[in-house]
Amino acid sequence: MQSTVVRPYRCVIAPQVRQAELFIRWSGYHPRECRIVTTPRDLLGLSLEGWETWFLQRMWPCRTHEDVQRMQEMMWRARARGADIRRWWT
């Protein structure tokens, strides 16, 4: 018997998991097709070429300088891994 493992083909970059889950549910995607990224460490070892990569813009819970810098760092790291960033504005 073969096991069916669903490989995620979408990456959602968000400040918190709950916000990414709401975006996935609202968009109609299946949760197993999406990988949620909330820290720069979550991007280690990923090649995002050919993936849909969503960046949740303006959904930051606390807009301190550090929070904005962390979100920007995740976007830069995703681009360095071949991601074509799509922004979702709130």
Protein backbone atom coordinates (compact mmCIF):
# COMPACT_ATOMS: atom_id res chain seq x y z
CA MET A 1 0.00 0.00 0.00
CA GLN A 2 1.36 3.40 -0.94
CA SER A 3 1.04 6.30 1.41
CA THR A 4 -0.27 9.46 -0.11
CA VAL A 5 1.71 12.41 1.14
CA VAL A 6 0.46 15.75 -0.07
CA ARG A 7 3.38 18.02 -0.88
CA PRO A 8 2.67 21.69 -0.21
CA TYR A 9 2.78 23.87 -3.29
CA ARG A 10 1.83 27.11 -1.60
CA CYS A 11 3.78 29.06 0.94
CA VAL A 12 2.04 31.63 3.14
CA ILE A 13 4.31 34.13 4.88
CA ALA A 14 2.47 35.62 7.83
CA PRO A 15 3.32 37.08 11.24
CA GLN A 16 1.22 34.48 13.07
CA VAL A 17 -0.13 31.01 12.29
CA ARG A 18 -3.73 32.03 12.99
CA GLN A 19 -3.61 34.76 10.34
CA ALA A 20 -2.20 32.33 7.77
CA GLU A 21 -4.92 29.80 8.61
CA LEU A 22 -7.61 32.44 8.12
CA PHE A 23 -6.10 33.39 4.76
CA ILE A 24 -5.98 29.74 3.64
CA ARG A 25 -9.59 29.16 4.68
CA TRP A 26 -10.76 32.39 3.03
CA SER A 27 -8.90 31.57 -0.20
CA GLY A 28 -10.42 28.09 -0.46
CA TYR A 29 -7.08 26.28 -0.47
CA HIS A 30 -6.65 22.91 1.19
CA PRO A 31 -4.55 23.29 4.37
CA ARG A 32 -2.30 20.35 3.41
CA GLU A 33 -1.28 22.16 0.21
CA CYS A 34 0.07 25.15 2.11
CA ARG A 35 3.19 25.66 4.14
CA ILE A 36 2.97 28.39 6.76
CA VAL A 37 6.07 30.50 7.40
CA THR A 38 6.13 32.72 10.50
CA THR A 39 9.88 33.03 11.16
CA PRO A 40 12.90 33.30 8.88
CA ARG A 41 14.06 29.93 10.25
CA ASP A 42 11.01 28.26 8.63
CA LEU A 43 12.48 29.01 5.19
CA LEU A 44 15.72 27.12 5.76
CA GLY A 45 16.24 24.37 3.21
CA LEU A 46 13.28 25.29 1.01
CA SER A 47 13.42 25.86 -2.72
CA LEU A 48 10.35 27.90 -3.57
CA GLU A 49 10.71 27.86 -7.35
CA GLY A 50 7.35 27.02 -8.88
CA TRP A 51 5.45 27.55 -5.64
CA GLU A 52 2.73 30.12 -5.04
CA THR A 53 4.16 32.30 -2.31
CA TRP A 54 1.75 34.61 -0.53
CA PHE A 55 2.94 37.48 1.65
CA LEU A 56 0.23 38.76 3.97
CA GLN A 57 0.70 42.50 3.79
CA ARG A 58 -0.53 44.78 6.58
CA MET A 59 -1.75 41.91 8.73
CA TRP A 60 0.89 42.50 11.31
CA PRO A 61 -0.46 42.35 14.85
CA CYS A 62 2.02 44.81 16.26
CA ARG A 63 3.81 47.16 13.92
CA THR A 64 6.97 47.76 15.84
CA HIS A 65 10.18 48.30 13.95
CA GLU A 66 11.34 44.78 14.84
CA ASP A 67 8.12 43.19 13.54
CA VAL A 68 8.33 45.02 10.23
CA GLN A 69 12.00 44.15 9.88
CA ARG A 70 11.29 40.44 10.57
CA MET A 71 8.55 40.35 7.93
CA GLN A 72 10.78 42.06 5.39
CA GLU A 73 13.61 39.62 6.15
CA MET A 74 11.27 36.69 5.49
CA MET A 75 10.24 38.21 2.16
CA TRP A 76 13.89 38.71 1.13
CA ARG A 77 14.81 35.16 2.12
CA ALA A 78 11.86 33.77 0.17
CA ARG A 79 12.90 35.74 -2.93
CA ALA A 80 16.45 34.43 -2.55
CA ARG A 81 14.99 30.91 -2.68
CA GLY A 82 13.24 31.58 -5.98
CA ALA A 83 9.81 32.65 -4.75
CA ASP A 84 7.56 34.78 -6.90
CA ILE A 85 5.92 36.81 -4.12
CA ARG A 86 2.21 37.51 -4.36
CA ARG A 87 0.88 40.04 -1.89
CA TRP A 88 -2.45 39.88 -0.17
CA TRP A 89 -3.51 43.24 1.17
CA THR A 90 -5.85 43.56 4.10
